Protein backbone atom coordinates (compact mmCIF):
# COMPACT_ATOMS: atom_id res chain seq x y z
CA UNK A 1 -2.59 -19.89 -5.38
CA UNK A 2 -3.99 -20.32 -2.00
CA UNK A 3 -0.82 -17.24 -1.22
CA UNK A 4 -2.73 -15.07 -4.12
CA UNK A 5 -6.31 -15.50 -3.10
CA UNK A 6 -4.89 -14.83 0.70
CA UNK A 7 -3.37 -11.86 -0.83
CA UNK A 8 -5.99 -11.08 -2.26
CA UNK A 9 -8.33 -11.08 0.86
CA UNK A 10 -5.99 -8.36 2.29
CA UNK A 11 -6.26 -6.33 0.47
CA UNK A 12 -9.72 -6.86 -0.12
CA UNK A 13 -10.19 -5.90 4.28
CA UNK A 14 -7.84 -2.57 4.10
CA UNK A 15 -10.11 -1.50 0.97
CA UNK A 16 -12.26 -1.74 3.47
CA UNK A 17 -11.51 -0.12 6.49
CA UNK A 18 -10.23 1.99 5.05
CA UNK A 19 -13.25 3.54 2.46
CA UNK A 20 -16.01 2.75 6.02
CA UNK A 21 -13.26 5.44 8.31
CA UNK A 22 -13.06 7.25 5.24
CA UNK A 23 -16.96 7.75 5.34
CA UNK A 24 -17.08 8.58 8.99
CA UNK A 25 -14.37 10.72 8.74
CA UNK A 26 -16.13 12.58 6.11
CA UNK A 27 -19.03 12.57 8.28
CA UNK A 28 -18.19 13.19 11.62
CA UNK A 29 -16.93 15.93 9.86
CA UNK A 30 -20.48 17.18 8.00
CA UNK A 31 -21.47 17.73 11.34
CA UNK A 32 -18.41 19.37 13.41
CA UNK A 33 -19.28 21.43 9.99
CA UNK A 34 -23.25 21.40 11.02
CA UNK A 35 -22.79 22.49 14.39
CA UNK A 36 -19.76 25.58 14.20
């Protein structure tokens, strides 16, 4: 049970980090397009 909870926590943190990275990448691409 504890292992499942730990795995869920790791997956959640990974997903969160990926979404933050994707947001940042998308916004920096938008800025690059605007300045170009």
